[in-house]
Protein backbone atom coordinates (compact mmCIF):
# COMPACT_ATOMS: atom_id res chain seq x y z
CA MET A 1 21.26 -29.74 104.08
CA SER A 2 22.33 -27.08 101.61
CA ALA A 3 20.57 -26.60 98.31
CA PRO A 4 22.23 -28.36 95.36
CA THR A 5 24.43 -26.27 93.12
CA GLU A 6 22.93 -25.64 89.71
CA VAL A 7 25.08 -27.35 87.10
CA GLY A 8 22.66 -27.60 84.21
CA PRO A 9 22.97 -25.97 80.75
CA THR A 10 21.54 -22.65 81.94
CA ALA A 11 24.08 -22.25 84.71
CA GLY A 12 26.91 -23.21 82.35
CA THR A 13 25.76 -20.71 79.76
CA VAL A 14 25.50 -17.91 82.31
CA ASN A 15 28.96 -18.65 83.69
CA THR A 16 30.42 -18.75 80.18
CA VAL A 17 28.90 -15.38 79.30
CA ARG A 18 30.22 -13.85 82.52
CA THR A 19 33.69 -15.24 81.81
CA ARG A 20 33.70 -13.82 78.30
CA LEU A 21 32.54 -10.41 79.49
CA ARG A 22 35.44 -10.37 81.97
CA PHE A 23 37.86 -11.28 79.16
CA TYR A 24 40.79 -8.85 79.18
CA GLY A 25 40.52 -8.29 75.43
CA TRP A 26 37.48 -6.08 75.97
CA ARG A 27 39.60 -3.73 78.08
CA ILE A 28 41.94 -3.38 75.13
CA VAL A 29 38.89 -2.61 72.96
CA GLY A 30 37.89 0.18 75.34
CA ALA A 31 41.37 1.66 75.56
CA GLY A 32 41.78 1.48 71.80
CA ALA A 33 38.46 3.24 71.29
CA ALA A 34 39.48 6.02 73.68
CA VAL A 35 42.85 6.55 71.96
CA GLN A 36 41.24 6.67 68.53
CA ALA A 37 38.51 9.04 69.74
CA MET A 38 41.19 11.41 71.01
CA GLN A 39 43.14 11.25 67.76
CA SER A 40 40.05 11.65 65.60
CA GLY A 41 38.52 14.54 67.52
CA LEU A 42 41.71 16.52 68.03
CA PHE A 43 43.62 15.73 64.84
CA MET A 44 42.26 13.63 61.99
CA GLN A 45 38.70 14.97 61.76
CA ALA A 46 39.82 18.37 63.05
CA PHE A 47 42.28 19.21 60.30
CA GLY A 48 39.56 20.31 57.90
CA SER A 49 38.42 22.94 60.42
CA TYR A 50 41.99 24.07 61.10
CA SER A 51 42.45 24.36 57.31
CA VAL A 52 39.69 26.97 57.01
CA LEU A 53 41.39 29.17 59.62
CA LEU A 54 44.86 28.64 58.16
CA ARG A 55 43.55 29.53 54.72
CA ASP A 56 41.99 32.73 56.04
CA GLN A 57 45.03 33.79 58.08
CA PHE A 58 47.90 32.84 55.76
CA GLY A 59 46.15 32.76 52.38
CA TRP A 60 47.26 29.20 51.64
CA SER A 61 45.43 27.53 48.74
CA ALA A 62 43.52 24.26 48.74
CA THR A 63 46.40 22.70 46.81
CA THR A 64 48.94 23.76 49.45
CA LEU A 65 46.85 22.31 52.27
CA SER A 66 46.30 19.16 50.20
CA LEU A 67 50.07 18.77 49.76
CA ALA A 68 50.58 18.88 53.52
CA PHE A 69 47.87 16.27 54.02
CA ALA A 70 49.27 14.10 51.21
CA MET A 71 52.83 14.36 52.54
CA THR A 72 51.80 13.03 55.93
CA ARG A 73 49.75 10.23 54.39
CA ALA A 74 52.78 9.28 52.28
CA GLU A 75 54.82 9.15 55.48
CA SER A 76 52.26 6.83 57.03
CA GLY A 77 52.29 4.54 54.01
CA MET A 78 56.08 4.39 53.79
CA LEU A 79 56.34 3.81 57.54
CA GLY A 80 53.80 0.98 57.40
CA PRO A 81 56.07 -2.06 56.84
CA LEU A 82 58.60 -0.88 59.43
CA GLN A 83 55.90 0.01 61.95
CA GLY A 84 54.15 -3.32 61.39
CA TRP A 85 57.40 -5.21 61.92
CA MET A 86 58.17 -3.23 65.09
CA ILE A 87 54.69 -3.95 66.48
CA ASP A 88 55.04 -7.68 65.75
CA ARG A 89 58.56 -7.68 67.23
CA PHE A 90 58.28 -5.36 70.26
CA GLY A 91 54.53 -5.27 70.87
CA PRO A 92 52.04 -2.42 70.30
CA ARG A 93 52.33 -0.77 73.74
CA LEU A 94 55.88 0.58 73.34
CA ILE A 95 55.23 1.78 69.78
CA MET A 96 52.06 3.58 70.92
CA GLN A 97 53.87 5.30 73.77
CA ILE A 98 56.51 6.66 71.40
CA GLY A 99 53.78 7.87 69.05
CA ILE A 100 51.70 9.57 71.74
CA VAL A 101 54.72 11.59 72.92
CA MET A 102 55.52 12.65 69.35
CA MET A 103 51.93 13.64 68.65
CA GLY A 104 51.59 15.71 71.84
CA ALA A 105 54.86 17.51 71.18
CA GLY A 106 53.84 18.10 67.56
CA PHE A 107 50.61 19.78 68.62
CA MET A 108 52.40 22.17 70.97
CA LEU A 109 54.93 23.07 68.28
CA PHE A 110 52.14 23.46 65.73
CA ALA A 111 50.67 26.20 67.94
CA THR A 112 53.77 28.31 67.16
CA THR A 113 53.45 28.03 63.35
CA ASN A 114 54.18 31.25 61.45
CA ASN A 115 55.18 30.07 57.98
CA LEU A 116 54.72 27.23 55.53
CA PRO A 117 57.93 25.23 56.31
CA GLN A 118 57.04 25.22 60.01
CA PHE A 119 53.51 24.11 59.19
CA PHE A 120 54.76 21.21 57.06
CA GLY A 121 57.32 20.15 59.68
CA PHE A 122 55.04 20.30 62.73
CA TYR A 123 52.12 18.71 60.93
CA PHE A 124 54.44 15.91 59.80
CA LEU A 125 55.48 15.29 63.42
CA MET A 126 51.85 15.15 64.58
CA SER A 127 50.94 12.75 61.81
CA LEU A 128 53.92 10.49 62.48
CA GLY A 129 52.96 10.32 66.14
CA ALA A 130 49.32 9.59 65.28
CA SER A 131 50.40 6.75 62.99
CA LEU A 132 52.60 5.11 65.61
CA GLY A 133 50.22 5.72 68.49
CA GLY A 134 46.92 4.79 66.90
CA PHE A 135 45.15 2.67 64.33
CA LEU A 136 47.68 0.02 63.25
CA SER A 137 48.98 -0.58 66.76
CA VAL A 138 45.49 -0.95 68.24
CA THR A 139 44.24 -3.10 65.36
CA THR A 140 47.21 -5.48 65.58
CA ALA A 141 46.59 -6.04 69.28
CA LEU A 142 42.89 -6.73 68.73
CA VAL A 143 43.25 -9.22 65.89
CA ASN A 144 45.48 -11.24 68.21
CA TRP A 145 43.02 -11.12 71.14
CA PHE A 146 39.90 -11.92 69.09
CA GLN A 147 38.85 -14.39 66.41
CA ARG A 148 35.18 -15.36 66.84
CA TYR A 149 34.25 -11.77 67.80
CA ARG A 150 36.97 -10.08 65.78
CA SER A 151 34.70 -7.89 63.65
CA ARG A 152 32.78 -6.71 66.71
CA ALA A 153 35.92 -5.94 68.67
CA LEU A 154 37.41 -3.97 65.79
CA ALA A 155 34.13 -2.16 65.17
CA ILE A 156 33.69 -1.13 68.81
CA SER A 157 37.29 0.02 68.93
CA GLN A 158 36.87 2.08 65.78
CA THR A 159 33.76 3.77 67.13
CA GLY A 160 36.35 6.00 68.75
CA PHE A 161 36.91 7.64 65.36
CA ALA A 162 33.20 8.41 65.10
CA ILE A 163 32.85 9.59 68.69
CA GLY A 164 35.82 11.91 68.35
CA GLY A 165 34.61 13.25 65.02
CA SER A 166 31.12 13.95 66.39
CA LEU A 167 32.71 16.48 68.74
CA THR A 168 33.75 18.67 65.79
CA PRO A 169 31.19 21.41 66.62
CA LEU A 170 32.70 21.65 70.12
CA LEU A 171 36.22 21.86 68.69
CA VAL A 172 35.13 24.56 66.26
CA PHE A 173 33.64 26.52 69.16
CA PHE A 174 37.05 26.57 70.86
CA LEU A 175 38.84 27.32 67.57
CA GLU A 176 36.67 30.40 67.02
CA SER A 177 36.47 31.55 70.64
CA GLN A 178 40.01 30.78 71.86
CA GLY A 179 41.92 30.78 68.57
CA TRP A 180 43.56 27.90 66.75
CA ARG A 181 46.94 28.35 68.48
CA ALA A 182 45.59 27.99 72.02
CA THR A 183 43.36 25.09 70.95
CA ALA A 184 46.32 23.28 69.39
CA PHE A 185 48.54 23.74 72.46
CA VAL A 186 45.88 22.48 74.86
CA SER A 187 45.23 19.57 72.48
CA GLY A 188 48.88 18.57 72.87
CA LEU A 189 48.53 18.53 76.65
CA ILE A 190 45.36 16.39 76.38
CA VAL A 191 47.12 13.90 74.12
CA LEU A 192 49.89 13.39 76.69
CA ALA A 193 47.67 13.40 79.78
CA VAL A 194 45.04 11.04 78.35
CA GLY A 195 46.92 9.01 75.76
CA LEU A 196 49.90 7.78 77.78
CA PRO A 197 47.89 6.20 80.62
CA LEU A 198 45.68 4.41 78.10
CA THR A 199 48.65 2.71 76.45
CA PHE A 200 49.33 0.71 79.64
CA VAL A 201 46.10 -1.22 79.02
CA ILE A 202 47.33 -2.46 75.62
CA ARG A 203 48.77 -5.99 75.48
CA HIS A 204 50.12 -7.87 72.49
CA ARG A 205 49.05 -11.54 72.47
CA PRO A 206 46.72 -13.44 74.85
CA GLY A 207 49.07 -16.43 74.97
CA ASP A 208 51.64 -14.28 76.77
CA TYR A 209 49.14 -13.96 79.65
CA ASP A 210 47.82 -17.55 79.66
CA GLU A 211 44.61 -16.54 77.90
CA PHE A 212 42.90 -17.64 74.68
CA PRO A 213 41.48 -15.49 71.86
CA ASP A 214 37.92 -14.37 72.74
CA GLY A 215 38.48 -15.86 76.21
CA ILE A 216 37.42 -19.25 74.85
CA ASP A 217 39.49 -22.41 75.21
CA PRO A 218 39.62 -23.96 71.68
CA ALA A 219 38.85 -27.37 73.20
CA THR A 220 35.40 -26.11 74.26
CA GLN A 221 34.50 -24.87 70.76
CA VAL A 222 33.96 -28.34 69.34
CA GLY A 223 30.26 -28.90 68.68
CA ASP A 224 29.14 -25.51 69.99
CA GLY A 225 27.58 -24.46 66.69
CA TYR A 226 30.24 -21.90 65.78
CA ARG A 227 30.42 -21.28 62.04
CA ALA A 228 33.80 -20.02 60.90
CA PRO A 229 33.79 -17.03 58.49
CA GLU A 230 34.75 -17.33 54.85
CA GLY A 231 38.48 -17.89 54.37
CA LEU A 232 39.43 -18.23 58.06
CA THR A 233 42.99 -19.56 57.94
CA ARG A 234 44.34 -22.17 60.33
CA VAL A 235 47.93 -21.55 59.21
CA ASP A 236 49.29 -18.01 59.63
CA PHE A 237 50.85 -16.45 56.53
CA THR A 238 54.21 -14.73 56.54
CA ALA A 239 54.34 -11.31 54.89
CA ARG A 240 56.12 -12.84 51.89
CA GLN A 241 53.42 -15.48 51.48
CA ALA A 242 50.62 -12.93 51.81
CA LEU A 243 52.18 -10.68 49.17
CA ARG A 244 52.03 -13.56 46.69
CA THR A 245 48.24 -13.86 46.94
CA ARG A 246 45.64 -12.10 44.81
CA ALA A 247 43.56 -11.45 47.93
CA PHE A 248 46.27 -9.23 49.46
CA TRP A 249 46.37 -6.97 46.40
CA MET A 250 42.61 -6.87 45.86
CA ILE A 251 41.86 -5.94 49.48
CA SER A 252 44.61 -3.31 49.42
CA LEU A 253 43.43 -1.75 46.16
CA GLY A 254 39.79 -1.82 47.29
CA HIS A 255 40.73 -0.18 50.59
CA GLY A 256 42.70 2.48 48.69
CA SER A 257 39.69 3.16 46.45
CA ALA A 258 37.52 3.85 49.48
CA LEU A 259 40.12 6.20 50.95
CA LEU A 260 40.04 8.31 47.78
CA VAL A 261 36.70 9.61 49.08
CA VAL A 262 37.46 9.45 52.80
CA GLY A 263 40.75 11.33 52.45
CA ALA A 264 39.31 13.99 50.16
CA LEU A 265 36.37 14.69 52.48
CA MET A 266 38.46 14.69 55.65
CA LEU A 267 40.39 17.64 54.22
CA HIS A 268 37.97 19.33 51.82
CA LEU A 269 34.48 18.91 53.30
CA SER A 270 34.69 22.03 55.49
CA LEU A 271 36.44 23.94 52.70
CA TYR A 272 33.71 22.93 50.25
CA LEU A 273 30.81 23.73 52.58
CA THR A 274 32.25 27.18 53.42
CA SER A 275 33.05 27.98 49.77
CA ASP A 276 30.96 30.39 47.69
CA ALA A 277 29.27 27.42 45.98
CA VAL A 278 27.53 26.38 49.23
CA GLY A 279 27.99 29.42 51.45
CA MET A 280 27.86 27.93 54.94
CA THR A 281 29.66 29.45 57.90
CA LEU A 282 32.32 27.32 59.59
CA GLN A 283 30.00 26.68 62.55
CA GLU A 284 27.16 25.63 60.24
CA ALA A 285 29.51 23.34 58.33
CA SER A 286 30.67 21.81 61.61
CA PHE A 287 27.21 20.34 62.20
CA ILE A 288 27.43 18.44 58.89
CA VAL A 289 30.98 17.35 59.69
CA GLY A 290 29.90 16.40 63.20
CA ALA A 291 26.84 14.43 62.03
CA LEU A 292 28.92 12.32 59.68
CA PRO A 293 30.70 10.42 62.49
CA LEU A 294 27.36 9.67 64.14
CA MET A 295 26.33 7.79 61.01
CA GLN A 296 29.79 6.24 60.95
CA LEU A 297 29.17 5.02 64.50
CA VAL A 298 25.91 3.31 63.50
CA GLY A 299 27.65 1.73 60.51
CA GLN A 300 30.52 0.46 62.65
CA LEU A 301 28.26 -1.25 65.16
CA ALA A 302 26.08 -2.79 62.44
CA GLY A 303 29.08 -3.87 60.37
CA GLY A 304 30.82 -5.33 63.40
CA PHE A 305 27.77 -7.35 64.45
CA TYR A 306 26.88 -8.66 61.01
CA GLY A 307 30.50 -9.07 59.95
CA ASP A 308 30.91 -11.97 62.38
CA THR A 309 27.93 -13.81 60.87
CA VAL A 310 27.47 -12.54 57.27
CA ASN A 311 29.88 -12.58 54.32
CA LYS A 312 32.23 -9.64 54.88
CA ARG A 313 33.08 -9.16 51.21
CA ALA A 314 29.42 -8.71 50.28
CA ILE A 315 28.96 -6.01 52.93
CA VAL A 316 32.10 -4.15 51.92
CA THR A 317 31.15 -4.27 48.22
CA LEU A 318 27.83 -2.54 49.02
CA CYS A 319 29.67 0.03 51.11
CA MET A 320 31.75 1.10 48.12
CA ALA A 321 28.52 1.95 46.29
CA GLY A 322 27.44 3.95 49.34
CA HIS A 323 30.61 6.06 49.18
CA ALA A 324 29.97 6.84 45.51
CA ILE A 325 26.28 7.72 45.91
CA GLY A 326 26.94 9.90 48.94
CA LEU A 327 29.67 11.93 47.26
CA LEU A 328 27.53 12.46 44.14
CA LEU A 329 24.66 13.76 46.32
CA LEU A 330 27.06 16.21 47.95
CA THR A 331 28.59 17.30 44.65
CA TYR A 332 25.35 17.99 42.81
CA GLU A 333 23.34 19.31 45.74
CA VAL A 334 20.61 21.78 44.89
CA ASN A 335 19.41 22.24 48.46
CA THR A 336 20.45 21.54 52.03
CA LEU A 337 18.39 18.35 52.09
CA MET A 338 20.73 16.73 49.57
CA ILE A 339 23.73 17.67 51.68
CA TRP A 340 22.13 15.99 54.69
CA ALA A 341 21.25 12.95 52.51
CA PHE A 342 24.96 12.57 51.77
CA VAL A 343 25.64 12.03 55.48
CA PRO A 344 24.00 8.58 55.93
CA PHE A 345 25.26 7.20 52.61
CA HIS A 346 28.88 8.10 53.20
CA GLY A 347 28.81 7.74 56.99
CA LEU A 348 27.21 4.28 57.09
CA ALA A 349 29.50 3.02 54.31
CA TRP A 350 32.59 4.39 56.03
CA GLY A 351 31.63 2.92 59.38
CA ALA A 352 30.64 -0.57 58.23
CA ARG A 353 33.52 -0.98 55.80
CA GLY A 354 36.40 0.07 58.07
CA PRO A 355 36.53 -2.74 60.67
CA LEU A 356 35.48 -5.42 58.19
CA MET A 357 38.50 -4.87 55.93
CA GLN A 358 40.85 -5.37 58.88
CA SER A 359 38.90 -8.43 60.02
CA LEU A 360 38.99 -9.82 56.49
CA ARG A 361 42.79 -9.52 56.37
CA ALA A 362 43.14 -11.25 59.74
CA ASP A 363 40.75 -14.04 58.67
CA TYR A 364 42.69 -14.64 55.46
CA PHE A 365 46.28 -14.28 56.71
CA GLY A 366 46.15 -14.92 60.48
CA PRO A 367 47.13 -12.72 63.43
CA THR A 368 50.78 -13.71 63.98
CA ASN A 369 52.28 -11.45 61.30
CA PHE A 370 49.27 -9.16 60.91
CA GLY A 371 51.19 -5.97 61.75
CA THR A 372 53.80 -6.56 59.05
CA ILE A 373 51.23 -7.65 56.46
CA MET A 374 49.00 -4.66 57.21
CA GLY A 375 52.09 -2.43 57.09
CA PHE A 376 52.87 -3.51 53.54
CA SER A 377 49.21 -3.13 52.62
CA SER A 378 49.24 0.44 53.94
CA MET A 379 51.80 1.40 51.28
CA ILE A 380 49.12 0.70 48.68
CA VAL A 381 46.15 1.89 50.71
CA MET A 382 47.70 5.29 51.38
CA LEU A 383 47.87 5.99 47.66
CA GLY A 384 44.13 6.58 47.95
CA MET A 385 44.47 8.80 51.00
CA ILE A 386 47.18 10.80 49.21
CA SER A 387 45.74 11.10 45.71
CA GLY A 388 42.12 11.78 46.75
CA PRO A 389 42.81 15.07 48.59
CA LEU A 390 45.41 16.12 46.00
CA LEU A 391 43.10 15.49 43.06
CA ALA A 392 40.22 17.32 44.72
CA GLY A 393 42.42 20.29 45.72
CA ILE A 394 44.21 20.71 42.39
CA LEU A 395 41.00 20.50 40.35
CA ALA A 396 39.20 22.84 42.77
CA ASP A 397 41.91 25.47 42.30
CA HIS A 398 41.88 24.94 38.52
CA PHE A 399 38.11 25.00 37.92
CA GLY A 400 37.13 27.17 40.87
CA ASN A 401 34.84 24.48 42.30
CA TYR A 402 34.87 20.88 43.51
CA GLU A 403 32.43 19.42 40.97
CA VAL A 404 34.91 17.74 38.59
CA GLY A 405 37.20 16.41 41.31
CA PHE A 406 34.43 15.00 43.48
CA THR A 407 32.73 13.37 40.48
CA ILE A 408 35.92 11.57 39.45
CA LEU A 409 36.48 10.32 42.99
CA ALA A 410 32.89 9.07 43.27
CA VAL A 411 33.21 7.05 40.05
CA LEU A 412 36.54 5.55 41.14
CA ALA A 413 35.10 4.56 44.52
CA GLY A 414 32.15 2.85 42.85
CA LEU A 415 34.47 0.92 40.54
CA GLY A 416 36.50 -0.09 43.59
CA SER A 417 33.78 -2.56 44.54
CA VAL A 418 35.19 -4.87 41.83
CA PHE A 419 38.36 -5.34 43.88
CA PHE A 420 36.41 -6.80 46.79
CA ILE A 421 34.42 -9.09 44.52
CA LEU A 422 37.76 -10.52 43.34
CA ALA A 423 39.23 -10.75 46.88
CA THR A 424 38.39 -14.44 47.31
CA PRO A 425 40.11 -16.44 50.09
CA PRO A 426 43.72 -17.42 49.30
CA ALA A 427 45.03 -20.97 49.35
CA PRO A 428 46.77 -21.86 52.63
CA PRO A 429 50.56 -21.29 52.62
CA GLY A 430 51.31 -25.02 52.51
CA GLU A 431 49.26 -25.47 49.35
CA GLN A 432 51.04 -22.53 47.73
CA ALA A 433 54.40 -24.17 48.40
CA ILE A 434 53.18 -27.50 46.99
CA ASP A 435 51.53 -25.99 43.93
CA GLU A 436 54.50 -23.87 42.85
CA PRO A 437 56.78 -26.84 41.91
CA ARG A 438 53.84 -28.37 40.05
CA ARG A 439 53.35 -25.16 38.08
CA THR A 440 57.07 -25.03 37.35
CA GLU A 441 57.05 -28.66 36.12
CA ALA A 442 53.97 -27.97 34.00
CA ARG A 443 55.58 -24.93 32.41
CA ALA A 444 58.76 -26.91 31.68
CA ALA A 445 56.77 -29.76 30.13
CA ALA A 446 54.75 -27.38 27.98
CA HIS A 447 57.91 -25.60 26.89
CA ALA A 448 59.57 -28.92 25.90
CA ALA A 449 56.48 -30.14 24.06
CA GLY A 450 55.91 -26.93 22.20
CA GLY A 451 59.52 -26.03 21.50
CA GLY A 452 59.22 -22.73 23.35
CA GLY A 453 56.59 -20.05 23.22
CA ALA A 454 55.86 -16.40 23.86
């Protein structure tokens, strides 16, 4: 007689865990992390190092390099609504494939740069490809495939940014030993050879493949002790409905405030560390730049884990203070220790905040139209990514140092915490539609009773 099959709670729990670990969404997390690591290491985090060499070879000023960075961020912001709509309509895989091809081609053309118009044009092409082939496309896929573990999935995916950025010292080694042109051309080949195969892992919605978000049938969630996060909507918002909420604008403005610092440091950190005020070599500066993503990685994992169980707005509000403190430590450094102290403040804040803001949007507005909603939000968010580097560059050229510009950005980032305090959950779309006629009737009644009014 065969031994009885174990059917008790322990066996059920083990089988459930195994099923969730085999859930296809985690493959998308891995592919998304790899794509974002490639983009971060070769392009986003690398541009500051390229800028030092371009400045030395062509004599371009910090303002000129800031304009190029700002132009591409403006492109990303303006593209946002259209890209979000295309992702929601055609799925993220096709959009990513188009972007990867554009980015790879842009890198190889960038290697031939000999003048400023070429630099602007090729850098624009790389940035456009990175926008289409990276963050928004990956994020939209993940918010559809996850709900209960959404913050963790987004955080693990975004560790790619940190992993890629931590390889900055290696990139700088190739920049200095092989030259920036050869490094850029080979980077283009890597983007095509690695990026395109990864896009085939990306899928849009689990329902299209007879799966459920998180790999969990909603019918089994009843009574399992799951506690929904603050503001988790059961009715997906349209883009129009989301734009009418205070939460949409507060999250967008808060996100933009954080990117004032992130954008400025992505471009100017290497320039600042190699300036006369600090006096580091590019290789020495690369260790600071490379250590920053390691702290970002720790922050992402911690933020992703706690973001599924702790109030996301509270965590993000603290992160804004971390950005401000870190930048002030860097600005008013009197020794190398203060520069290294900047790394955990800014890195942990950057890492923990990033995935939680995307998760917060998905909780509030739902996954169905997330790409379009996030696309409209990016038009506001990118104002921070544009104005931060520009402000830092212009004031650095004017005053001959970064002190004034970095101080202003630190204060603005700290004040940005107020936006997240005010980003309370919006009323569901149905309640908005019901309340609006009531408000209209109330205004009409008040107008009739009072005979008009200002």
